[in-house]
Each structure stands twice: as C-alpha cells, then as structure tokens.
Amino acid sequence: MKKTIIIIASLLYTIGLSAQMQWGVRLGANRSRYTEPGPSKSLTAQWGATVGVTTYYTLTSWLDIQADLNYTQRNCKDETLIVDMDTEDYFRLQQHYLTLPIQLKFFHPTIIDGANIHFGPQLGLLLHRDDNLDISGDANLFDFGFTAGIGWLSPTGYFIDADFYLGLIPIYKSPYGHLEGFRNHSLQISVGKFF
C-alpha cells in the first residue's frame, strides 16, 4: 500500500513539471456511516474531520485528473445498549485513515463556469482505530472503494466539493458479532484553495 502511494505521488510530481498542474490544500467534514450488504442494517452516522493536500492536472479544457492525500476521521455509534458489568454504554467507533482518492473531473462551462462532476477509486490505510469494545485487533488495515461528487472551482483557485464514498472492503477482517460485513460509507463536504 505504501509503495503504491509513493509510486502514484512520484508520477504526479513528474507530470507536475508542466505548468498545467496545480497544488492546493483541503479542509472539510464528513458524516460517516457503516452499512452491511443485504438487510438494511447500519451504525448511526457521526461527524469527522478531513484535511489534506490536493493536486490536479489539466488534460483538456473540460477534463482534469485530481489526486488527494488526506487524513480522514470516520466516526459512528450503535444505538444498541451495551451492558458491561456495572456500566451501561453504546458501542462507539472512531477510525483514522490516510486516504488517496484519484478522480476524473468533468467540466461543462456552458452551465456554470467552474462547475464539475467527478468520480474515481479511493485507497485507504488505517492509521488508528478506537472503540469501546477493545476489538481493534480484528481491524482491516486497508480500505478501498469509489468516490463520486460535484464541485465548483473558482477562477482564483478556491473550490468547494461534495463527495460520497462507497467502501467495498469490510472494516473487520473476520466476522465479529454484529459488526460482520460492515463497510465504510461517507458523505464529505470540503473547501480549499489551489495555488
């Protein structure tokens, strides 16, 4: 995973020797939820933070390729009450990821100048996980899925994006009670600036 990130970053840097490449920063919030395929079963969504660097390369007047390297925090809780000895609590989970989304961005200037739709794959590396059931040992260290969203890029480099992420890999390596099969899903709103 680390080798893949380094190779992709090196390729983007090499391409970036062209004046058509721009670098920027991103700051946002995401509302994460964990859903299980099949019956409608999910953990309650919670807010988390996203911060990172972003770059894009202009391919044509209507198409860019964009890559980010983000720290992303994903949180959730389960409304099922846990009774442990004399303590009553709800299951809580907080995950910290390094994410690498790579997206194609399509622009249509005749509608709204700077408006775009974008989509592509996203790789994730779990940096840390906290939960109040102490089952972090079963954590899946890697995440993979697809993102899709809409955005707007101003002529001065400011941007705003809204993205949905659909994870394809379970957050736990093996079945663990009611957490079997759960995957990352999140809606992210972010703002930033290209320089």
N, C-alpha and C. Protein backbone atom coordinates (compact mmCIF):
# COMPACT_ATOMS: atom_id res chain seq x y z
N MET A 1 0.83 -1.20 0.00
CA MET A 1 0.00 0.00 0.00
C MET A 1 0.87 1.26 0.00
N LYS A 2 1.89 1.27 0.89
CA LYS A 2 2.77 2.44 0.96
C LYS A 2 3.53 2.63 -0.35
N LYS A 3 3.97 1.50 -0.96
CA LYS A 3 4.69 1.59 -2.23
C LYS A 3 3.80 2.15 -3.32
N THR A 4 2.52 1.75 -3.32
CA THR A 4 1.57 2.25 -4.32
C THR A 4 1.41 3.76 -4.19
N ILE A 5 1.24 4.25 -2.95
CA ILE A 5 1.09 5.69 -2.72
C ILE A 5 2.32 6.45 -3.18
N ILE A 6 3.52 5.92 -2.87
CA ILE A 6 4.77 6.58 -3.26
C ILE A 6 4.90 6.63 -4.79
N ILE A 7 4.56 5.52 -5.47
CA ILE A 7 4.67 5.47 -6.94
C ILE A 7 3.72 6.48 -7.58
N ILE A 8 2.46 6.50 -7.10
CA ILE A 8 1.48 7.44 -7.66
C ILE A 8 1.89 8.88 -7.41
N ALA A 9 2.36 9.16 -6.19
CA ALA A 9 2.80 10.53 -5.87
C ALA A 9 3.98 10.94 -6.75
N SER A 10 4.92 10.01 -7.01
CA SER A 10 6.08 10.30 -7.86
C SER A 10 5.66 10.59 -9.30
N LEU A 11 4.70 9.79 -9.80
CA LEU A 11 4.21 10.02 -11.16
C LEU A 11 3.53 11.38 -11.28
N LEU A 12 2.71 11.71 -10.28
CA LEU A 12 2.03 13.01 -10.31
C LEU A 12 3.02 14.17 -10.21
N TYR A 13 4.10 13.98 -9.44
CA TYR A 13 5.11 15.03 -9.32
C TYR A 13 5.83 15.23 -10.65
N THR A 14 6.14 14.11 -11.34
CA THR A 14 6.82 14.21 -12.64
C THR A 14 5.95 14.94 -13.65
N ILE A 15 4.67 14.57 -13.69
CA ILE A 15 3.74 15.26 -14.59
C ILE A 15 3.65 16.73 -14.21
N GLY A 16 3.79 17.00 -12.92
CA GLY A 16 3.63 18.35 -12.41
C GLY A 16 4.71 19.33 -12.85
N LEU A 17 5.74 18.83 -13.50
CA LEU A 17 6.75 19.75 -14.04
C LEU A 17 6.13 20.63 -15.12
N SER A 18 4.99 20.21 -15.63
CA SER A 18 4.26 21.03 -16.59
C SER A 18 3.49 22.12 -15.85
N ALA A 19 3.26 23.24 -16.52
CA ALA A 19 2.54 24.36 -15.91
C ALA A 19 1.05 24.06 -15.76
N GLN A 20 0.61 22.93 -16.29
CA GLN A 20 -0.81 22.59 -16.23
C GLN A 20 -1.20 21.95 -14.91
N MET A 21 -0.25 21.79 -13.99
CA MET A 21 -0.54 21.14 -12.72
C MET A 21 -0.61 22.17 -11.61
N GLN A 22 -1.60 21.99 -10.72
CA GLN A 22 -1.79 22.91 -9.60
C GLN A 22 -1.83 22.11 -8.30
N TRP A 23 -1.29 22.71 -7.23
CA TRP A 23 -1.31 22.11 -5.90
C TRP A 23 -2.19 22.95 -4.99
N GLY A 24 -2.79 22.28 -4.00
CA GLY A 24 -3.64 23.02 -3.07
C GLY A 24 -3.82 22.29 -1.75
N VAL A 25 -4.66 22.88 -0.90
CA VAL A 25 -4.98 22.30 0.40
C VAL A 25 -6.49 22.14 0.51
N ARG A 26 -6.90 21.19 1.35
CA ARG A 26 -8.31 20.88 1.51
C ARG A 26 -8.63 20.75 3.01
N LEU A 27 -9.80 21.24 3.40
CA LEU A 27 -10.29 21.12 4.78
C LEU A 27 -11.79 20.84 4.72
N GLY A 28 -12.24 19.85 5.48
CA GLY A 28 -13.66 19.53 5.41
C GLY A 28 -14.15 18.68 6.55
N ALA A 29 -15.38 18.26 6.42
CA ALA A 29 -16.02 17.39 7.40
C ALA A 29 -16.77 16.30 6.66
N ASN A 30 -16.82 15.13 7.27
CA ASN A 30 -17.56 14.03 6.66
C ASN A 30 -18.50 13.41 7.68
N ARG A 31 -19.59 12.91 7.17
CA ARG A 31 -20.56 12.21 8.02
C ARG A 31 -20.51 10.74 7.59
N SER A 32 -19.94 9.91 8.46
CA SER A 32 -19.69 8.52 8.12
C SER A 32 -20.77 7.61 8.69
N ARG A 33 -21.02 6.56 7.94
CA ARG A 33 -21.92 5.53 8.44
C ARG A 33 -21.41 4.20 7.92
N TYR A 34 -21.71 3.17 8.62
CA TYR A 34 -21.22 1.85 8.26
C TYR A 34 -22.43 0.98 7.96
N THR A 35 -22.49 0.44 6.76
CA THR A 35 -23.65 -0.35 6.36
C THR A 35 -23.23 -1.75 5.97
N GLU A 36 -24.17 -2.66 6.12
CA GLU A 36 -23.94 -4.06 5.81
C GLU A 36 -24.76 -4.43 4.58
N PRO A 37 -24.15 -5.13 3.61
CA PRO A 37 -24.92 -5.55 2.44
C PRO A 37 -26.08 -6.45 2.86
N GLY A 38 -27.12 -6.44 2.07
CA GLY A 38 -28.27 -7.28 2.38
C GLY A 38 -29.32 -6.51 3.14
N PRO A 39 -29.76 -7.05 4.28
CA PRO A 39 -30.80 -6.37 5.06
C PRO A 39 -30.36 -4.99 5.47
N SER A 40 -31.30 -4.07 5.61
CA SER A 40 -30.98 -2.70 5.95
C SER A 40 -30.54 -2.61 7.40
N LYS A 41 -29.23 -2.65 7.58
CA LYS A 41 -28.64 -2.63 8.91
C LYS A 41 -27.47 -1.66 8.87
N SER A 42 -27.41 -0.72 9.79
CA SER A 42 -26.32 0.25 9.77
C SER A 42 -26.04 0.77 11.16
N LEU A 43 -24.84 1.36 11.31
CA LEU A 43 -24.46 2.03 12.54
C LEU A 43 -24.73 3.51 12.35
N THR A 44 -25.15 4.19 13.40
CA THR A 44 -25.54 5.59 13.32
C THR A 44 -24.38 6.48 12.89
N ALA A 45 -24.63 7.36 11.92
CA ALA A 45 -23.60 8.24 11.36
C ALA A 45 -23.16 9.30 12.37
N GLN A 46 -21.89 9.64 12.31
CA GLN A 46 -21.31 10.69 13.15
C GLN A 46 -20.39 11.56 12.28
N TRP A 47 -20.09 12.76 12.77
CA TRP A 47 -19.22 13.68 12.03
C TRP A 47 -17.75 13.42 12.34
N GLY A 48 -16.89 13.63 11.33
CA GLY A 48 -15.45 13.54 11.48
C GLY A 48 -14.77 14.59 10.62
N ALA A 49 -13.47 14.76 10.80
CA ALA A 49 -12.72 15.80 10.09
C ALA A 49 -11.93 15.21 8.93
N THR A 50 -11.66 16.05 7.92
CA THR A 50 -10.80 15.71 6.79
C THR A 50 -9.88 16.89 6.51
N VAL A 51 -8.59 16.60 6.35
CA VAL A 51 -7.64 17.65 5.98
C VAL A 51 -6.56 17.01 5.10
N GLY A 52 -6.10 17.76 4.10
CA GLY A 52 -5.09 17.18 3.24
C GLY A 52 -4.59 18.10 2.16
N VAL A 53 -3.81 17.53 1.27
CA VAL A 53 -3.28 18.26 0.11
C VAL A 53 -3.91 17.67 -1.14
N THR A 54 -4.02 18.49 -2.16
CA THR A 54 -4.67 18.05 -3.40
C THR A 54 -3.91 18.61 -4.59
N THR A 55 -4.00 17.93 -5.70
CA THR A 55 -3.37 18.38 -6.92
C THR A 55 -4.22 17.97 -8.12
N TYR A 56 -4.18 18.77 -9.16
CA TYR A 56 -4.88 18.36 -10.38
C TYR A 56 -4.04 18.70 -11.60
N TYR A 57 -4.28 17.93 -12.64
CA TYR A 57 -3.57 18.10 -13.90
C TYR A 57 -4.61 18.28 -14.99
N THR A 58 -4.49 19.35 -15.77
CA THR A 58 -5.45 19.64 -16.83
C THR A 58 -5.13 18.81 -18.06
N LEU A 59 -6.08 17.96 -18.43
CA LEU A 59 -5.92 17.12 -19.62
C LEU A 59 -6.47 17.83 -20.86
N THR A 60 -7.69 18.39 -20.72
CA THR A 60 -8.30 19.16 -21.80
C THR A 60 -9.04 20.33 -21.17
N SER A 61 -9.72 21.12 -21.97
CA SER A 61 -10.47 22.26 -21.44
C SER A 61 -11.66 21.82 -20.60
N TRP A 62 -12.06 20.55 -20.72
CA TRP A 62 -13.22 20.06 -19.98
C TRP A 62 -12.93 18.86 -19.08
N LEU A 63 -11.65 18.43 -18.99
CA LEU A 63 -11.31 17.24 -18.21
C LEU A 63 -10.00 17.43 -17.44
N ASP A 64 -10.05 17.18 -16.13
CA ASP A 64 -8.86 17.18 -15.26
C ASP A 64 -8.76 15.81 -14.58
N ILE A 65 -7.54 15.49 -14.13
CA ILE A 65 -7.36 14.37 -13.23
C ILE A 65 -6.86 14.93 -11.91
N GLN A 66 -7.46 14.49 -10.81
CA GLN A 66 -7.14 15.05 -9.50
C GLN A 66 -6.78 13.93 -8.53
N ALA A 67 -5.79 14.18 -7.68
CA ALA A 67 -5.40 13.23 -6.63
C ALA A 67 -5.23 13.98 -5.32
N ASP A 68 -5.69 13.38 -4.24
CA ASP A 68 -5.57 13.96 -2.90
C ASP A 68 -4.79 13.00 -2.00
N LEU A 69 -4.18 13.55 -0.98
CA LEU A 69 -3.62 12.75 0.11
C LEU A 69 -4.20 13.37 1.38
N ASN A 70 -5.14 12.66 2.01
CA ASN A 70 -5.92 13.24 3.11
C ASN A 70 -5.81 12.42 4.39
N TYR A 71 -5.88 13.12 5.51
CA TYR A 71 -6.16 12.48 6.79
C TYR A 71 -7.68 12.56 6.95
N THR A 72 -8.32 11.42 7.18
CA THR A 72 -9.77 11.37 7.30
C THR A 72 -10.17 10.64 8.57
N GLN A 73 -11.02 11.27 9.35
CA GLN A 73 -11.53 10.66 10.58
C GLN A 73 -12.97 10.22 10.34
N ARG A 74 -13.26 8.95 10.65
CA ARG A 74 -14.62 8.43 10.47
C ARG A 74 -15.13 7.92 11.81
N ASN A 75 -16.32 8.36 12.19
CA ASN A 75 -16.89 8.02 13.49
C ASN A 75 -18.28 7.43 13.34
N CYS A 76 -18.66 6.57 14.25
CA CYS A 76 -20.02 6.06 14.28
C CYS A 76 -20.35 5.57 15.68
N LYS A 77 -21.62 5.27 15.90
CA LYS A 77 -22.03 4.62 17.14
C LYS A 77 -23.19 3.69 16.82
N ASP A 78 -23.44 2.78 17.74
CA ASP A 78 -24.55 1.84 17.59
C ASP A 78 -25.57 2.16 18.68
N GLU A 79 -26.82 2.24 18.29
CA GLU A 79 -27.87 2.57 19.26
C GLU A 79 -28.19 1.40 20.20
N THR A 80 -27.56 0.24 19.95
CA THR A 80 -27.78 -0.90 20.83
C THR A 80 -27.04 -0.70 22.14
N LEU A 81 -27.73 -0.80 23.24
CA LEU A 81 -27.12 -0.58 24.56
C LEU A 81 -26.24 -1.76 24.94
N ILE A 82 -25.03 -1.44 25.41
CA ILE A 82 -24.10 -2.46 25.88
C ILE A 82 -24.08 -2.41 27.40
N VAL A 83 -24.29 -3.53 28.03
CA VAL A 83 -24.22 -3.59 29.49
C VAL A 83 -23.01 -4.43 29.86
N ASP A 84 -22.00 -3.79 30.43
CA ASP A 84 -20.75 -4.45 30.79
C ASP A 84 -20.52 -4.28 32.28
N MET A 85 -20.70 -5.33 33.01
CA MET A 85 -20.60 -5.29 34.47
C MET A 85 -21.59 -4.24 34.99
N ASP A 86 -21.09 -3.20 35.63
CA ASP A 86 -21.99 -2.18 36.18
C ASP A 86 -22.12 -0.97 35.26
N THR A 87 -21.52 -1.04 34.06
CA THR A 87 -21.51 0.10 33.15
C THR A 87 -22.49 -0.10 32.00
N GLU A 88 -23.25 0.93 31.70
CA GLU A 88 -24.12 0.90 30.53
C GLU A 88 -23.59 1.91 29.52
N ASP A 89 -23.46 1.50 28.27
CA ASP A 89 -22.89 2.39 27.26
C ASP A 89 -23.37 1.95 25.88
N TYR A 90 -23.08 2.78 24.87
CA TYR A 90 -23.36 2.46 23.48
C TYR A 90 -22.03 2.18 22.78
N PHE A 91 -22.05 1.28 21.79
CA PHE A 91 -20.84 1.00 21.03
C PHE A 91 -20.44 2.24 20.25
N ARG A 92 -19.17 2.63 20.37
CA ARG A 92 -18.63 3.77 19.64
C ARG A 92 -17.37 3.35 18.90
N LEU A 93 -17.21 3.87 17.69
CA LEU A 93 -16.05 3.53 16.86
C LEU A 93 -15.51 4.80 16.22
N GLN A 94 -14.20 5.00 16.33
CA GLN A 94 -13.53 6.13 15.67
C GLN A 94 -12.34 5.58 14.91
N GLN A 95 -12.30 5.89 13.59
CA GLN A 95 -11.22 5.41 12.74
C GLN A 95 -10.46 6.58 12.13
N HIS A 96 -9.15 6.42 11.99
CA HIS A 96 -8.29 7.45 11.42
C HIS A 96 -7.60 6.84 10.20
N TYR A 97 -7.85 7.43 9.03
CA TYR A 97 -7.33 6.90 7.77
C TYR A 97 -6.44 7.91 7.06
N LEU A 98 -5.48 7.38 6.31
CA LEU A 98 -4.77 8.12 5.28
C LEU A 98 -5.41 7.69 3.97
N THR A 99 -6.06 8.60 3.26
CA THR A 99 -6.79 8.23 2.05
C THR A 99 -6.17 8.87 0.81
N LEU A 100 -6.28 8.15 -0.30
CA LEU A 100 -5.76 8.61 -1.58
C LEU A 100 -6.84 8.44 -2.64
N PRO A 101 -7.73 9.43 -2.81
CA PRO A 101 -8.70 9.37 -3.91
C PRO A 101 -8.07 9.91 -5.20
N ILE A 102 -8.34 9.24 -6.30
CA ILE A 102 -7.91 9.68 -7.63
C ILE A 102 -9.16 9.81 -8.48
N GLN A 103 -9.44 11.01 -8.97
CA GLN A 103 -10.71 11.28 -9.63
C GLN A 103 -10.52 11.94 -10.99
N LEU A 104 -11.43 11.61 -11.91
CA LEU A 104 -11.57 12.36 -13.15
C LEU A 104 -12.60 13.45 -12.91
N LYS A 105 -12.30 14.69 -13.32
CA LYS A 105 -13.22 15.82 -13.12
C LYS A 105 -13.67 16.34 -14.48
N PHE A 106 -14.98 16.33 -14.68
CA PHE A 106 -15.57 16.78 -15.94
C PHE A 106 -16.21 18.16 -15.75
N PHE A 107 -15.82 19.11 -16.59
CA PHE A 107 -16.34 20.48 -16.52
C PHE A 107 -17.29 20.73 -17.70
N HIS A 108 -18.30 21.56 -17.45
CA HIS A 108 -19.23 21.96 -18.51
C HIS A 108 -19.46 23.47 -18.37
N PRO A 109 -18.56 24.30 -18.93
CA PRO A 109 -18.60 25.75 -18.70
C PRO A 109 -19.86 26.45 -19.19
N THR A 110 -20.60 25.82 -20.10
CA THR A 110 -21.81 26.50 -20.59
C THR A 110 -22.93 26.48 -19.56
N ILE A 111 -22.84 25.59 -18.55
CA ILE A 111 -23.86 25.56 -17.49
C ILE A 111 -23.48 26.57 -16.40
N ILE A 112 -22.42 26.28 -15.66
CA ILE A 112 -21.86 27.20 -14.66
C ILE A 112 -20.34 27.08 -14.78
N ASP A 113 -19.67 28.19 -15.01
CA ASP A 113 -18.22 28.17 -15.15
C ASP A 113 -17.58 27.64 -13.86
N GLY A 114 -16.76 26.60 -13.98
CA GLY A 114 -16.09 26.00 -12.82
C GLY A 114 -16.84 24.83 -12.20
N ALA A 115 -18.11 24.64 -12.54
CA ALA A 115 -18.87 23.51 -12.00
C ALA A 115 -18.36 22.20 -12.60
N ASN A 116 -18.33 21.15 -11.80
CA ASN A 116 -17.81 19.88 -12.27
C ASN A 116 -18.47 18.71 -11.57
N ILE A 117 -18.40 17.56 -12.23
CA ILE A 117 -18.72 16.29 -11.59
C ILE A 117 -17.44 15.48 -11.61
N HIS A 118 -17.25 14.65 -10.59
CA HIS A 118 -16.01 13.89 -10.51
C HIS A 118 -16.26 12.52 -9.88
N PHE A 119 -15.42 11.55 -10.24
CA PHE A 119 -15.53 10.22 -9.67
C PHE A 119 -14.23 9.47 -9.89
N GLY A 120 -14.03 8.42 -9.07
CA GLY A 120 -12.84 7.60 -9.21
C GLY A 120 -12.62 6.71 -8.00
N PRO A 121 -11.55 5.90 -8.02
CA PRO A 121 -11.26 4.99 -6.91
C PRO A 121 -10.60 5.71 -5.74
N GLN A 122 -10.68 5.09 -4.57
CA GLN A 122 -10.01 5.64 -3.38
C GLN A 122 -9.38 4.50 -2.59
N LEU A 123 -8.11 4.68 -2.26
CA LEU A 123 -7.39 3.75 -1.40
C LEU A 123 -7.33 4.33 0.00
N GLY A 124 -7.33 3.47 1.01
CA GLY A 124 -7.24 3.94 2.39
C GLY A 124 -6.34 3.06 3.22
N LEU A 125 -5.58 3.69 4.11
CA LEU A 125 -4.71 2.97 5.05
C LEU A 125 -5.13 3.36 6.46
N LEU A 126 -5.51 2.39 7.27
CA LEU A 126 -5.94 2.66 8.63
C LEU A 126 -4.74 3.02 9.49
N LEU A 127 -4.75 4.23 10.06
CA LEU A 127 -3.67 4.68 10.93
C LEU A 127 -3.92 4.30 12.38
N HIS A 128 -5.19 4.41 12.81
CA HIS A 128 -5.53 4.12 14.21
C HIS A 128 -7.03 3.90 14.32
N ARG A 129 -7.42 3.06 15.25
CA ARG A 129 -8.85 2.81 15.50
C ARG A 129 -9.09 2.75 17.00
N ASP A 130 -10.14 3.43 17.44
CA ASP A 130 -10.57 3.39 18.84
C ASP A 130 -12.00 2.87 18.89
N ASP A 131 -12.24 1.91 19.77
CA ASP A 131 -13.61 1.51 20.04
C ASP A 131 -13.72 1.09 21.50
N ASN A 132 -14.91 1.15 22.02
CA ASN A 132 -15.08 0.86 23.45
C ASN A 132 -15.39 -0.62 23.72
N LEU A 133 -15.15 -1.48 22.71
CA LEU A 133 -15.26 -2.93 22.93
C LEU A 133 -13.90 -3.61 22.87
N ASP A 134 -12.86 -2.80 22.60
CA ASP A 134 -11.50 -3.31 22.54
C ASP A 134 -11.37 -4.47 21.55
N ILE A 135 -11.85 -4.25 20.31
CA ILE A 135 -11.73 -5.29 19.28
C ILE A 135 -10.89 -4.80 18.11
N SER A 136 -9.99 -3.83 18.38
CA SER A 136 -9.17 -3.26 17.31
C SER A 136 -8.27 -4.29 16.65
N GLY A 137 -7.97 -5.40 17.34
CA GLY A 137 -7.11 -6.41 16.76
C GLY A 137 -7.69 -7.04 15.50
N ASP A 138 -8.99 -6.97 15.33
CA ASP A 138 -9.63 -7.54 14.15
C ASP A 138 -9.79 -6.52 13.03
N ALA A 139 -9.21 -5.35 13.17
CA ALA A 139 -9.37 -4.28 12.19
C ALA A 139 -8.73 -4.65 10.86
N ASN A 140 -9.40 -4.29 9.77
CA ASN A 140 -8.84 -4.42 8.44
C ASN A 140 -8.01 -3.17 8.18
N LEU A 141 -6.72 -3.32 7.92
CA LEU A 141 -5.82 -2.17 7.78
C LEU A 141 -6.00 -1.41 6.48
N PHE A 142 -6.62 -2.03 5.48
CA PHE A 142 -6.76 -1.39 4.18
C PHE A 142 -8.23 -1.17 3.84
N ASP A 143 -8.48 -0.12 3.10
CA ASP A 143 -9.83 0.19 2.65
C ASP A 143 -9.75 0.53 1.16
N PHE A 144 -10.79 0.17 0.44
CA PHE A 144 -10.85 0.50 -0.97
C PHE A 144 -12.31 0.70 -1.36
N GLY A 145 -12.54 1.69 -2.23
CA GLY A 145 -13.90 1.93 -2.70
C GLY A 145 -13.89 2.97 -3.80
N PHE A 146 -15.05 3.58 -4.03
CA PHE A 146 -15.18 4.58 -5.09
C PHE A 146 -15.84 5.84 -4.56
N THR A 147 -15.41 6.97 -5.10
CA THR A 147 -15.99 8.26 -4.74
C THR A 147 -16.68 8.85 -5.97
N ALA A 148 -17.68 9.67 -5.70
CA ALA A 148 -18.36 10.42 -6.76
C ALA A 148 -18.90 11.69 -6.13
N GLY A 149 -18.91 12.78 -6.89
CA GLY A 149 -19.40 14.02 -6.31
C GLY A 149 -19.53 15.14 -7.32
N ILE A 150 -19.86 16.30 -6.77
CA ILE A 150 -19.97 17.52 -7.56
C ILE A 150 -19.10 18.59 -6.90
N GLY A 151 -18.72 19.58 -7.67
CA GLY A 151 -17.88 20.63 -7.11
C GLY A 151 -17.91 21.89 -7.94
N TRP A 152 -17.22 22.89 -7.42
CA TRP A 152 -17.09 24.17 -8.12
C TRP A 152 -15.70 24.71 -7.86
N LEU A 153 -15.02 25.15 -8.93
CA LEU A 153 -13.68 25.71 -8.87
C LEU A 153 -13.73 27.14 -9.40
N SER A 154 -13.34 28.09 -8.54
CA SER A 154 -13.38 29.50 -8.95
C SER A 154 -12.16 29.84 -9.79
N PRO A 155 -12.22 30.93 -10.57
CA PRO A 155 -11.05 31.35 -11.36
C PRO A 155 -9.84 31.70 -10.50
N THR A 156 -10.06 32.03 -9.22
CA THR A 156 -8.95 32.38 -8.31
C THR A 156 -8.39 31.18 -7.57
N GLY A 157 -8.92 29.97 -7.83
CA GLY A 157 -8.38 28.76 -7.22
C GLY A 157 -9.12 28.22 -6.02
N TYR A 158 -10.10 28.95 -5.50
CA TYR A 158 -10.89 28.43 -4.39
C TYR A 158 -11.87 27.38 -4.91
N PHE A 159 -12.14 26.37 -4.08
CA PHE A 159 -13.07 25.33 -4.53
C PHE A 159 -13.91 24.82 -3.37
N ILE A 160 -15.02 24.21 -3.74
CA ILE A 160 -15.88 23.51 -2.79
C ILE A 160 -16.33 22.22 -3.45
N ASP A 161 -16.28 21.11 -2.69
CA ASP A 161 -16.64 19.80 -3.21
C ASP A 161 -17.59 19.09 -2.26
N ALA A 162 -18.49 18.32 -2.81
CA ALA A 162 -19.35 17.42 -2.04
C ALA A 162 -19.18 16.03 -2.64
N ASP A 163 -18.74 15.07 -1.82
CA ASP A 163 -18.41 13.74 -2.32
C ASP A 163 -19.08 12.65 -1.50
N PHE A 164 -19.44 11.57 -2.17
CA PHE A 164 -19.94 10.38 -1.50
C PHE A 164 -18.93 9.26 -1.71
N TYR A 165 -18.59 8.56 -0.63
CA TYR A 165 -17.65 7.44 -0.71
C TYR A 165 -18.37 6.13 -0.40
N LEU A 166 -18.18 5.14 -1.25
CA LEU A 166 -18.77 3.82 -1.07
C LEU A 166 -17.64 2.81 -0.91
N GLY A 167 -17.42 2.36 0.33
CA GLY A 167 -16.36 1.39 0.59
C GLY A 167 -16.79 -0.01 0.20
N LEU A 168 -15.82 -0.80 -0.30
CA LEU A 168 -16.11 -2.15 -0.77
C LEU A 168 -15.51 -3.23 0.13
N ILE A 169 -14.63 -2.85 1.05
CA ILE A 169 -13.95 -3.81 1.91
C ILE A 169 -14.50 -3.71 3.34
N PRO A 170 -14.84 -4.84 3.97
CA PRO A 170 -15.34 -4.79 5.36
C PRO A 170 -14.32 -4.15 6.30
N ILE A 171 -14.79 -3.46 7.33
CA ILE A 171 -13.89 -2.78 8.25
C ILE A 171 -13.21 -3.75 9.22
N TYR A 172 -13.75 -4.97 9.33
CA TYR A 172 -13.12 -6.01 10.13
C TYR A 172 -12.75 -7.18 9.23
N LYS A 173 -11.57 -7.79 9.50
CA LYS A 173 -11.08 -8.88 8.66
C LYS A 173 -11.96 -10.12 8.75
N SER A 174 -12.47 -10.39 9.93
CA SER A 174 -13.26 -11.59 10.13
C SER A 174 -14.55 -11.24 10.85
N PRO A 175 -15.56 -12.09 10.76
CA PRO A 175 -16.83 -11.80 11.43
C PRO A 175 -16.61 -11.54 12.92
N TYR A 176 -17.26 -10.52 13.42
CA TYR A 176 -17.17 -10.22 14.85
C TYR A 176 -18.54 -9.78 15.33
N GLY A 177 -19.38 -10.78 15.64
CA GLY A 177 -20.70 -10.47 16.16
C GLY A 177 -21.51 -9.63 15.19
N HIS A 178 -22.10 -8.56 15.68
CA HIS A 178 -22.99 -7.73 14.86
C HIS A 178 -22.24 -6.81 13.91
N LEU A 179 -20.88 -6.84 13.92
CA LEU A 179 -20.09 -5.99 13.02
C LEU A 179 -19.73 -6.70 11.72
N GLU A 180 -20.18 -7.93 11.54
CA GLU A 180 -19.82 -8.70 10.35
C GLU A 180 -20.28 -7.99 9.07
N GLY A 181 -19.34 -7.81 8.12
CA GLY A 181 -19.69 -7.28 6.81
C GLY A 181 -19.84 -5.78 6.70
N PHE A 182 -19.66 -5.03 7.77
CA PHE A 182 -19.85 -3.58 7.69
C PHE A 182 -18.74 -2.92 6.88
N ARG A 183 -19.14 -1.93 6.04
CA ARG A 183 -18.20 -1.21 5.18
C ARG A 183 -18.34 0.30 5.39
N ASN A 184 -17.25 1.02 5.07
CA ASN A 184 -17.25 2.49 5.19
C ASN A 184 -18.11 3.13 4.12
N HIS A 185 -19.00 4.02 4.52
CA HIS A 185 -19.73 4.89 3.61
C HIS A 185 -19.69 6.28 4.22
N SER A 186 -19.47 7.30 3.41
CA SER A 186 -19.44 8.65 3.98
C SER A 186 -19.81 9.70 2.96
N LEU A 187 -20.33 10.80 3.49
CA LEU A 187 -20.63 11.99 2.69
C LEU A 187 -19.70 13.08 3.20
N GLN A 188 -18.92 13.69 2.30
CA GLN A 188 -17.92 14.67 2.70
C GLN A 188 -18.16 16.00 2.00
N ILE A 189 -18.07 17.08 2.78
CA ILE A 189 -18.11 18.43 2.26
C ILE A 189 -16.78 19.08 2.57
N SER A 190 -16.11 19.66 1.57
CA SER A 190 -14.81 20.26 1.82
C SER A 190 -14.62 21.52 1.00
N VAL A 191 -13.74 22.36 1.51
CA VAL A 191 -13.36 23.59 0.81
C VAL A 191 -11.83 23.63 0.75
N GLY A 192 -11.31 24.43 -0.17
CA GLY A 192 -9.87 24.52 -0.28
C GLY A 192 -9.43 25.57 -1.26
N LYS A 193 -8.12 25.57 -1.52
CA LYS A 193 -7.53 26.59 -2.38
C LYS A 193 -6.36 25.99 -3.14
N PHE A 194 -6.34 26.19 -4.47
CA PHE A 194 -5.20 25.84 -5.30
C PHE A 194 -4.30 27.06 -5.44
N PHE A 195 -2.99 26.83 -5.44
CA PHE A 195 -2.02 27.93 -5.50
C PHE A 195 -1.26 27.93 -6.82
